[in-house]
Amino acid sequence: TSGGSTKYADSVKGRTSISRDTAKNQFTLQLSAVTP
């Protein structure tokens, strides 16, 4: 949300992180321990 609250799907919870870079106006997703 605009306030910074996050919500993750159960399938990726614990291995996912999202962030916003206001200077670059970018929205980033990081996902670890990926599977097929």
PDB file of all heavy atoms in Angstrom:
ATOM      1  N   THR A   1       0.834  -1.189   0.000  1.00  0.00           N
ATOM      2  CA  THR A   1       0.000   0.000   0.000  1.00  0.00           C
ATOM      3  C   THR A   1       0.870   1.241   0.000  1.00  0.00           C
ATOM      4  O   THR A   1       2.086   1.176   0.143  1.00  0.00           O
ATOM      5  CB  THR A   1      -0.915   0.029   1.227  1.00  0.00           C
ATOM      6  OG1 THR A   1      -0.123   0.240   2.410  1.00  0.00           O
ATOM      7  CG2 THR A   1      -1.696  -1.268   1.370  1.00  0.00           C
ATOM      8  N   SER A   2       0.229   2.388  -0.153  1.00  0.00           N
ATOM      9  CA  SER A   2       0.972   3.639  -0.125  1.00  0.00           C
ATOM     10  C   SER A   2       1.638   3.858   1.228  1.00  0.00           C
ATOM     11  O   SER A   2       2.664   4.539   1.311  1.00  0.00           O
ATOM     12  CB  SER A   2       0.048   4.816  -0.451  1.00  0.00           C
ATOM     13  OG  SER A   2      -0.986   4.940   0.517  1.00  0.00           O
ATOM     14  N   GLY A   3       1.062   3.282   2.278  1.00  0.00           N
ATOM     15  CA  GLY A   3       1.623   3.404   3.610  1.00  0.00           C
ATOM     16  C   GLY A   3       2.742   2.422   3.904  1.00  0.00           C
ATOM     17  O   GLY A   3       3.347   2.485   4.976  1.00  0.00           O
ATOM     18  N   GLY A   4       3.005   1.519   2.972  1.00  0.00           N
ATOM     19  CA  GLY A   4       4.096   0.578   3.136  1.00  0.00           C
ATOM     20  C   GLY A   4       3.711  -0.788   3.664  1.00  0.00           C
ATOM     21  O   GLY A   4       4.579  -1.640   3.859  1.00  0.00           O
ATOM     22  N   SER A   5       2.428  -1.016   3.899  1.00  0.00           N
ATOM     23  CA  SER A   5       1.993  -2.333   4.339  1.00  0.00           C
ATOM     24  C   SER A   5       2.100  -3.318   3.192  1.00  0.00           C
ATOM     25  O   SER A   5       1.734  -3.004   2.059  1.00  0.00           O
ATOM     26  CB  SER A   5       0.554  -2.280   4.846  1.00  0.00           C
ATOM     27  OG  SER A   5       0.439  -1.426   5.974  1.00  0.00           O
ATOM     28  N   THR A   6       2.582  -4.509   3.485  1.00  0.00           N
ATOM     29  CA  THR A   6       2.791  -5.515   2.451  1.00  0.00           C
ATOM     30  C   THR A   6       1.958  -6.755   2.699  1.00  0.00           C
ATOM     31  O   THR A   6       1.570  -7.058   3.824  1.00  0.00           O
ATOM     32  CB  THR A   6       4.269  -5.923   2.354  1.00  0.00           C
ATOM     33  OG1 THR A   6       4.716  -6.391   3.634  1.00  0.00           O
ATOM     34  CG2 THR A   6       5.124  -4.748   1.930  1.00  0.00           C
ATOM     35  N   LYS A   7       1.697  -7.468   1.638  1.00  0.00           N
ATOM     36  CA  LYS A   7       0.958  -8.713   1.684  1.00  0.00           C
ATOM     37  C   LYS A   7       1.580  -9.654   0.670  1.00  0.00           C
ATOM     38  O   LYS A   7       1.846  -9.266  -0.465  1.00  0.00           O
ATOM     39  CB  LYS A   7      -0.515  -8.476   1.367  1.00  0.00           C
ATOM     40  CG  LYS A   7      -1.391  -9.715   1.428  1.00  0.00           C
ATOM     41  CD  LYS A   7      -2.801  -9.431   0.937  1.00  0.00           C
ATOM     42  CE  LYS A   7      -3.493  -8.383   1.788  1.00  0.00           C
ATOM     43  NZ  LYS A   7      -4.890  -8.132   1.337  1.00  0.00           N
ATOM     44  N   TYR A   8       1.807 -10.900   1.082  1.00  0.00           N
ATOM     45  CA  TYR A   8       2.446 -11.880   0.219  1.00  0.00           C
ATOM     46  C   TYR A   8       1.572 -13.107   0.064  1.00  0.00           C
ATOM     47  O   TYR A   8       0.888 -13.524   0.997  1.00  0.00           O
ATOM     48  CB  TYR A   8       3.804 -12.300   0.784  1.00  0.00           C
ATOM     49  CG  TYR A   8       4.790 -11.168   0.925  1.00  0.00           C
ATOM     50  CD1 TYR A   8       4.912 -10.466   2.123  1.00  0.00           C
ATOM     51  CD2 TYR A   8       5.603 -10.796  -0.141  1.00  0.00           C
ATOM     52  CE1 TYR A   8       5.811  -9.422   2.250  1.00  0.00           C
ATOM     53  CE2 TYR A   8       6.503  -9.755  -0.022  1.00  0.00           C
ATOM     54  CZ  TYR A   8       6.602  -9.076   1.174  1.00  0.00           C
ATOM     55  OH  TYR A   8       7.498  -8.041   1.303  1.00  0.00           O
ATOM     56  N   ALA A   9       1.620 -13.691  -1.106  1.00  0.00           N
ATOM     57  CA  ALA A   9       0.897 -14.930  -1.339  1.00  0.00           C
ATOM     58  C   ALA A   9       1.527 -16.054  -0.523  1.00  0.00           C
ATOM     59  O   ALA A   9       2.739 -16.066  -0.281  1.00  0.00           O
ATOM     60  CB  ALA A   9       0.918 -15.289  -2.823  1.00  0.00           C
ATOM     61  N   ASP A  10       0.699 -17.007  -0.100  1.00  0.00           N
ATOM     62  CA  ASP A  10       1.208 -18.122   0.690  1.00  0.00           C
ATOM     63  C   ASP A  10       2.305 -18.891  -0.042  1.00  0.00           C
ATOM     64  O   ASP A  10       3.236 -19.404   0.581  1.00  0.00           O
ATOM     65  CB  ASP A  10       0.070 -19.073   1.056  1.00  0.00           C
ATOM     66  CG  ASP A  10      -0.895 -18.478   2.068  1.00  0.00           C
ATOM     67  OD1 ASP A  10      -0.515 -17.519   2.767  1.00  0.00           O
ATOM     68  OD2 ASP A  10      -2.030 -18.983   2.165  1.00  0.00           O
ATOM     69  N   SER A  11       2.198 -18.963  -1.346  1.00  0.00           N
ATOM     70  CA  SER A  11       3.148 -19.730  -2.132  1.00  0.00           C
ATOM     71  C   SER A  11       4.552 -19.140  -2.143  1.00  0.00           C
ATOM     72  O   SER A  11       5.519 -19.840  -2.452  1.00  0.00           O
ATOM     73  CB  SER A  11       2.644 -19.885  -3.570  1.00  0.00           C
ATOM     74  OG  SER A  11       2.465 -18.621  -4.181  1.00  0.00           O
ATOM     75  N   VAL A  12       4.665 -17.863  -1.810  1.00  0.00           N
ATOM     76  CA  VAL A  12       5.967 -17.208  -1.836  1.00  0.00           C
ATOM     77  C   VAL A  12       6.337 -16.591  -0.503  1.00  0.00           C
ATOM     78  O   VAL A  12       7.442 -16.047  -0.362  1.00  0.00           O
ATOM     79  CB  VAL A  12       6.032 -16.123  -2.925  1.00  0.00           C
ATOM     80  CG1 VAL A  12       5.805 -16.728  -4.299  1.00  0.00           C
ATOM     81  CG2 VAL A  12       5.006 -15.025  -2.646  1.00  0.00           C
ATOM     82  N   LYS A  13       5.461 -16.667   0.466  1.00  0.00           N
ATOM     83  CA  LYS A  13       5.717 -16.066   1.767  1.00  0.00           C
ATOM     84  C   LYS A  13       6.977 -16.656   2.395  1.00  0.00           C
ATOM     85  O   LYS A  13       7.168 -17.865   2.401  1.00  0.00           O
ATOM     86  CB  LYS A  13       4.518 -16.283   2.679  1.00  0.00           C
ATOM     87  CG  LYS A  13       4.545 -15.483   3.976  1.00  0.00           C
ATOM     88  CD  LYS A  13       3.250 -15.659   4.752  1.00  0.00           C
ATOM     89  CE  LYS A  13       2.050 -15.141   3.973  1.00  0.00           C
ATOM     90  NZ  LYS A  13       0.786 -15.261   4.738  1.00  0.00           N
ATOM     91  N   GLY A  14       7.819 -15.775   2.900  1.00  0.00           N
ATOM     92  CA  GLY A  14       9.059 -16.204   3.519  1.00  0.00           C
ATOM     93  C   GLY A  14      10.248 -16.179   2.592  1.00  0.00           C
ATOM     94  O   GLY A  14      11.395 -16.270   3.036  1.00  0.00           O
ATOM     95  N   ARG A  15      10.011 -16.065   1.313  1.00  0.00           N
ATOM     96  CA  ARG A  15      11.102 -16.027   0.349  1.00  0.00           C
ATOM     97  C   ARG A  15      10.916 -14.909  -0.669  1.00  0.00           C
ATOM     98  O   ARG A  15      11.557 -14.921  -1.724  1.00  0.00           O
ATOM     99  CB  ARG A  15      11.249 -17.376  -0.357  1.00  0.00           C
ATOM    100  CG  ARG A  15      10.024 -17.868  -1.086  1.00  0.00           C
ATOM    101  CD  ARG A  15      10.200 -19.325  -1.539  1.00  0.00           C
ATOM    102  NE  ARG A  15       9.064 -19.769  -2.338  1.00  0.00           N
ATOM    103  CZ  ARG A  15       9.019 -19.739  -3.657  1.00  0.00           C
ATOM    104  NH1 ARG A  15      10.066 -19.307  -4.347  1.00  0.00           N
ATOM    105  NH2 ARG A  15       7.945 -20.161  -4.300  1.00  0.00           N
ATOM    106  N   THR A  16      10.055 -13.976  -0.343  1.00  0.00           N
ATOM    107  CA  THR A  16       9.757 -12.873  -1.247  1.00  0.00           C
ATOM    108  C   THR A  16       9.881 -11.545  -0.521  1.00  0.00           C
ATOM    109  O   THR A  16       9.526 -11.438   0.654  1.00  0.00           O
ATOM    110  CB  THR A  16       8.344 -13.001  -1.834  1.00  0.00           C
ATOM    111  OG1 THR A  16       8.220 -14.243  -2.520  1.00  0.00           O
ATOM    112  CG2 THR A  16       8.059 -11.859  -2.814  1.00  0.00           C
ATOM    113  N   SER A  17      10.368 -10.566  -1.220  1.00  0.00           N
ATOM    114  CA  SER A  17      10.464  -9.222  -0.680  1.00  0.00           C
ATOM    115  C   SER A  17      10.155  -8.219  -1.785  1.00  0.00           C
ATOM    116  O   SER A  17      10.624  -8.373  -2.911  1.00  0.00           O
ATOM    117  CB  SER A  17      11.854  -8.959  -0.110  1.00  0.00           C
ATOM    118  OG  SER A  17      11.971  -7.630   0.370  1.00  0.00           O
ATOM    119  N   ILE A  18       9.358  -7.224  -1.467  1.00  0.00           N
ATOM    120  CA  ILE A  18       9.075  -6.158  -2.413  1.00  0.00           C
ATOM    121  C   ILE A  18       9.501  -4.830  -1.801  1.00  0.00           C
ATOM    122  O   ILE A  18       9.469  -4.648  -0.589  1.00  0.00           O
ATOM    123  CB  ILE A  18       7.587  -6.097  -2.818  1.00  0.00           C
ATOM    124  CG1 ILE A  18       6.678  -6.014  -1.582  1.00  0.00           C
ATOM    125  CG2 ILE A  18       7.223  -7.303  -3.665  1.00  0.00           C
ATOM    126  CD1 ILE A  18       5.218  -5.832  -1.921  1.00  0.00           C
ATOM    127  N   SER A  19       9.874  -3.913  -2.655  1.00  0.00           N
ATOM    128  CA  SER A  19      10.321  -2.621  -2.180  1.00  0.00           C
ATOM    129  C   SER A  19      10.048  -1.559  -3.228  1.00  0.00           C
ATOM    130  O   SER A  19       9.863  -1.857  -4.407  1.00  0.00           O
ATOM    131  CB  SER A  19      11.810  -2.649  -1.830  1.00  0.00           C
ATOM    132  OG  SER A  19      12.597  -2.957  -2.962  1.00  0.00           O
ATOM    133  N   ARG A  20      10.037  -0.327  -2.781  1.00  0.00           N
ATOM    134  CA  ARG A  20       9.838   0.804  -3.671  1.00  0.00           C
ATOM    135  C   ARG A  20      11.014   1.758  -3.548  1.00  0.00           C
ATOM    136  O   ARG A  20      11.454   2.074  -2.442  1.00  0.00           O
ATOM    137  CB  ARG A  20       8.544   1.541  -3.329  1.00  0.00           C
ATOM    138  CG  ARG A  20       7.285   0.706  -3.513  1.00  0.00           C
ATOM    139  CD  ARG A  20       6.091   1.391  -2.889  1.00  0.00           C
ATOM    140  NE  ARG A  20       6.245   1.514  -1.450  1.00  0.00           N
ATOM    141  CZ  ARG A  20       5.404   2.153  -0.653  1.00  0.00           C
ATOM    142  NH1 ARG A  20       4.331   2.760  -1.168  1.00  0.00           N
ATOM    143  NH2 ARG A  20       5.619   2.211   0.653  1.00  0.00           N
ATOM    144  N   ASP A  21      11.516   2.193  -4.668  1.00  0.00           N
ATOM    145  CA  ASP A  21      12.594   3.168  -4.725  1.00  0.00           C
ATOM    146  C   ASP A  21      11.996   4.460  -5.249  1.00  0.00           C
ATOM    147  O   ASP A  21      11.766   4.600  -6.455  1.00  0.00           O
ATOM    148  CB  ASP A  21      13.722   2.670  -5.628  1.00  0.00           C
ATOM    149  CG  ASP A  21      14.934   3.572  -5.609  1.00  0.00           C
ATOM    150  OD1 ASP A  21      14.786   4.791  -5.418  1.00  0.00           O
ATOM    151  OD2 ASP A  21      16.052   3.052  -5.796  1.00  0.00           O
ATOM    152  N   THR A  22      11.720   5.393  -4.364  1.00  0.00           N
ATOM    153  CA  THR A  22      11.063   6.631  -4.776  1.00  0.00           C
ATOM    154  C   THR A  22      11.946   7.495  -5.665  1.00  0.00           C
ATOM    155  O   THR A  22      11.448   8.189  -6.547  1.00  0.00           O
ATOM    156  CB  THR A  22      10.624   7.439  -3.549  1.00  0.00           C
ATOM    157  OG1 THR A  22      11.754   7.716  -2.714  1.00  0.00           O
ATOM    158  CG2 THR A  22       9.597   6.665  -2.739  1.00  0.00           C
ATOM    159  N   ALA A  23      13.253   7.462  -5.435  1.00  0.00           N
ATOM    160  CA  ALA A  23      14.170   8.258  -6.246  1.00  0.00           C
ATOM    161  C   ALA A  23      14.145   7.810  -7.698  1.00  0.00           C
ATOM    162  O   ALA A  23      14.174   8.633  -8.617  1.00  0.00           O
ATOM    163  CB  ALA A  23      15.579   8.183  -5.685  1.00  0.00           C
ATOM    164  N   LYS A  24      14.109   6.501  -7.908  1.00  0.00           N
ATOM    165  CA  LYS A  24      14.079   5.948  -9.258  1.00  0.00           C
ATOM    166  C   LYS A  24      12.665   5.667  -9.737  1.00  0.00           C
ATOM    167  O   LYS A  24      12.472   5.303 -10.902  1.00  0.00           O
ATOM    168  CB  LYS A  24      14.908   4.665  -9.319  1.00  0.00           C
ATOM    169  CG  LYS A  24      16.384   4.857  -9.012  1.00  0.00           C
ATOM    170  CD  LYS A  24      17.130   3.543  -9.104  1.00  0.00           C
ATOM    171  CE  LYS A  24      18.606   3.718  -8.818  1.00  0.00           C
ATOM    172  NZ  LYS A  24      19.341   2.429  -8.885  1.00  0.00           N
ATOM    173  N   ASN A  25      11.700   5.820  -8.840  1.00  0.00           N
ATOM    174  CA  ASN A  25      10.306   5.518  -9.142  1.00  0.00           C
ATOM    175  C   ASN A  25      10.173   4.090  -9.674  1.00  0.00           C
ATOM    176  O   ASN A  25       9.563   3.846 -10.715  1.00  0.00           O
ATOM    177  CB  ASN A  25       9.717   6.517 -10.139  1.00  0.00           C
ATOM    178  CG  ASN A  25       8.200   6.596 -10.056  1.00  0.00           C
ATOM    179  OD1 ASN A  25       7.618   6.404  -8.990  1.00  0.00           O
ATOM    180  ND2 ASN A  25       7.559   6.887 -11.177  1.00  0.00           N
ATOM    181  N   GLN A  26      10.761   3.162  -8.935  1.00  0.00           N
ATOM    182  CA  GLN A  26      10.738   1.766  -9.314  1.00  0.00           C
ATOM    183  C   GLN A  26      10.138   0.908  -8.219  1.00  0.00           C
ATOM    184  O   GLN A  26      10.207   1.235  -7.032  1.00  0.00           O
ATOM    185  CB  GLN A  26      12.149   1.266  -9.635  1.00  0.00           C
ATOM    186  CG  GLN A  26      12.755   1.865 -10.891  1.00  0.00           C
ATOM    187  CD  GLN A  26      14.100   1.264 -11.221  1.00  0.00           C
ATOM    188  OE1 GLN A  26      14.730   0.613 -10.394  1.00  0.00           O
ATOM    189  NE2 GLN A  26      14.556   1.485 -12.444  1.00  0.00           N
ATOM    190  N   PHE A  27       9.588  -0.190  -8.619  1.00  0.00           N
ATOM    191  CA  PHE A  27       8.962  -1.167  -7.739  1.00  0.00           C
ATOM    192  C   PHE A  27       9.650  -2.500  -8.006  1.00  0.00           C
ATOM    193  O   PHE A  27       9.671  -2.971  -9.142  1.00  0.00           O
ATOM    194  CB  PHE A  27       7.464  -1.221  -8.046  1.00  0.00           C
ATOM    195  CG  PHE A  27       6.678  -2.196  -7.225  1.00  0.00           C
ATOM    196  CD1 PHE A  27       6.870  -2.317  -5.864  1.00  0.00           C
ATOM    197  CD2 PHE A  27       5.703  -2.984  -7.829  1.00  0.00           C
ATOM    198  CE1 PHE A  27       6.115  -3.207  -5.097  1.00  0.00           C
ATOM    199  CE2 PHE A  27       4.938  -3.872  -7.084  1.00  0.00           C
ATOM    200  CZ  PHE A  27       5.143  -3.977  -5.719  1.00  0.00           C
ATOM    201  N   THR A  28      10.197  -3.100  -6.966  1.00  0.00           N
ATOM    202  CA  THR A  28      11.060  -4.261  -7.142  1.00  0.00           C
ATOM    203  C   THR A  28      10.530  -5.486  -6.413  1.00  0.00           C
ATOM    204  O   THR A  28      10.005  -5.384  -5.308  1.00  0.00           O
ATOM    205  CB  THR A  28      12.481  -3.953  -6.638  1.00  0.00           C
ATOM    206  OG1 THR A  28      13.013  -2.854  -7.374  1.00  0.00           O
ATOM    207  CG2 THR A  28      13.393  -5.158  -6.823  1.00  0.00           C
ATOM    208  N   LEU A  29      10.689  -6.622  -7.049  1.00  0.00           N
ATOM    209  CA  LEU A  29      10.349  -7.916  -6.461  1.00  0.00           C
ATOM    210  C   LEU A  29      11.601  -8.776  -6.399  1.00  0.00           C
ATOM    211  O   LEU A  29      12.303  -8.928  -7.399  1.00  0.00           O
ATOM    212  CB  LEU A  29       9.286  -8.625  -7.301  1.00  0.00           C
ATOM    213  CG  LEU A  29       9.052 -10.116  -7.001  1.00  0.00           C
ATOM    214  CD1 LEU A  29       8.397 -10.281  -5.640  1.00  0.00           C
ATOM    215  CD2 LEU A  29       8.204 -10.757  -8.098  1.00  0.00           C
ATOM    216  N   GLN A  30      11.881  -9.328  -5.237  1.00  0.00           N
ATOM    217  CA  GLN A  30      12.956 -10.290  -5.079  1.00  0.00           C
ATOM    218  C   GLN A  30      12.374 -11.605  -4.600  1.00  0.00           C
ATOM    219  O   GLN A  30      11.573 -11.634  -3.662  1.00  0.00           O
ATOM    220  CB  GLN A  30      14.009  -9.783  -4.089  1.00  0.00           C
ATOM    221  CG  GLN A  30      14.735  -8.533  -4.558  1.00  0.00           C
ATOM    222  CD  GLN A  30      15.927  -8.194  -3.687  1.00  0.00           C
ATOM    223  OE1 GLN A  30      16.986  -8.829  -3.782  1.00  0.00           O
ATOM    224  NE2 GLN A  30      15.757  -7.195  -2.831  1.00  0.00           N
ATOM    225  N   LEU A  31      12.770 -12.669  -5.255  1.00  0.00           N
ATOM    226  CA  LEU A  31      12.262 -13.992  -4.938  1.00  0.00           C
ATOM    227  C   LEU A  31      13.435 -14.953  -4.837  1.00  0.00           C
ATOM    228  O   LEU A  31      14.239 -15.054  -5.765  1.00  0.00           O
ATOM    229  CB  LEU A  31      11.273 -14.463  -6.010  1.00  0.00           C
ATOM    230  CG  LEU A  31      10.630 -15.833  -5.828  1.00  0.00           C
ATOM    231  CD1 LEU A  31       9.780 -15.859  -4.566  1.00  0.00           C
ATOM    232  CD2 LEU A  31       9.780 -16.177  -7.049  1.00  0.00           C
ATOM    233  N   SER A  32      13.539 -15.637  -3.730  1.00  0.00           N
ATOM    234  CA  SER A  32      14.629 -16.565  -3.504  1.00  0.00           C
ATOM    235  C   SER A  32      14.109 -18.002  -3.439  1.00  0.00           C
ATOM    236  O   SER A  32      12.910 -18.240  -3.382  1.00  0.00           O
ATOM    237  CB  SER A  32      15.378 -16.218  -2.217  1.00  0.00           C
ATOM    238  OG  SER A  32      14.531 -16.325  -1.087  1.00  0.00           O
ATOM    239  N   ALA A  33      15.061 -18.939  -3.425  1.00  0.00           N
ATOM    240  CA  ALA A  33      14.737 -20.367  -3.347  1.00  0.00           C
ATOM    241  C   ALA A  33      13.657 -20.755  -4.356  1.00  0.00           C
ATOM    242  O   ALA A  33      12.672 -21.402  -4.019  1.00  0.00           O
ATOM    243  CB  ALA A  33      14.308 -20.726  -1.925  1.00  0.00           C
ATOM    244  N   VAL A  34      13.863 -20.357  -5.582  1.00  0.00           N
ATOM    245  CA  VAL A  34      12.851 -20.583  -6.612  1.00  0.00           C
ATOM    246  C   VAL A  34      12.777 -22.057  -6.991  1.00  0.00           C
ATOM    247  O   VAL A  34      13.753 -22.805  -6.886  1.00  0.00           O
ATOM    248  CB  VAL A  34      13.118 -19.725  -7.860  1.00  0.00           C
ATOM    249  CG1 VAL A  34      13.056 -18.249  -7.497  1.00  0.00           C
ATOM    250  CG2 VAL A  34      14.464 -20.076  -8.478  1.00  0.00           C
ATOM    251  N   THR A  35      11.608 -22.460  -7.428  1.00  0.00           N
ATOM    252  CA  THR A  35      11.345 -23.802  -7.911  1.00  0.00           C
ATOM    253  C   THR A  35      10.707 -23.701  -9.285  1.00  0.00           C
ATOM    254  O   THR A  35      10.287 -22.623  -9.703  1.00  0.00           O
ATOM    255  CB  THR A  35      10.404 -24.562  -6.968  1.00  0.00           C
ATOM    256  OG1 THR A  35       9.075 -24.036  -7.085  1.00  0.00           O
ATOM    257  CG2 THR A  35      10.865 -24.442  -5.522  1.00  0.00           C
ATOM    258  N   PRO A  36      10.615 -24.820 -10.008  1.00  0.00           N
ATOM    259  CA  PRO A  36       9.964 -24.770 -11.320  1.00  0.00           C
ATOM    260  C   PRO A  36       8.535 -24.233 -11.274  1.00  0.00           C
ATOM    261  O   PRO A  36       8.046 -23.708 -12.275  1.00  0.00           O
ATOM    262  CB  PRO A  36       9.997 -26.233 -11.777  1.00  0.00           C
ATOM    263  CG  PRO A  36      11.229 -26.774 -11.145  1.00  0.00           C
ATOM    264  CD  PRO A  36      11.272 -26.126  -9.787  1.00  0.00           C
TER     265      PRO A  36
END
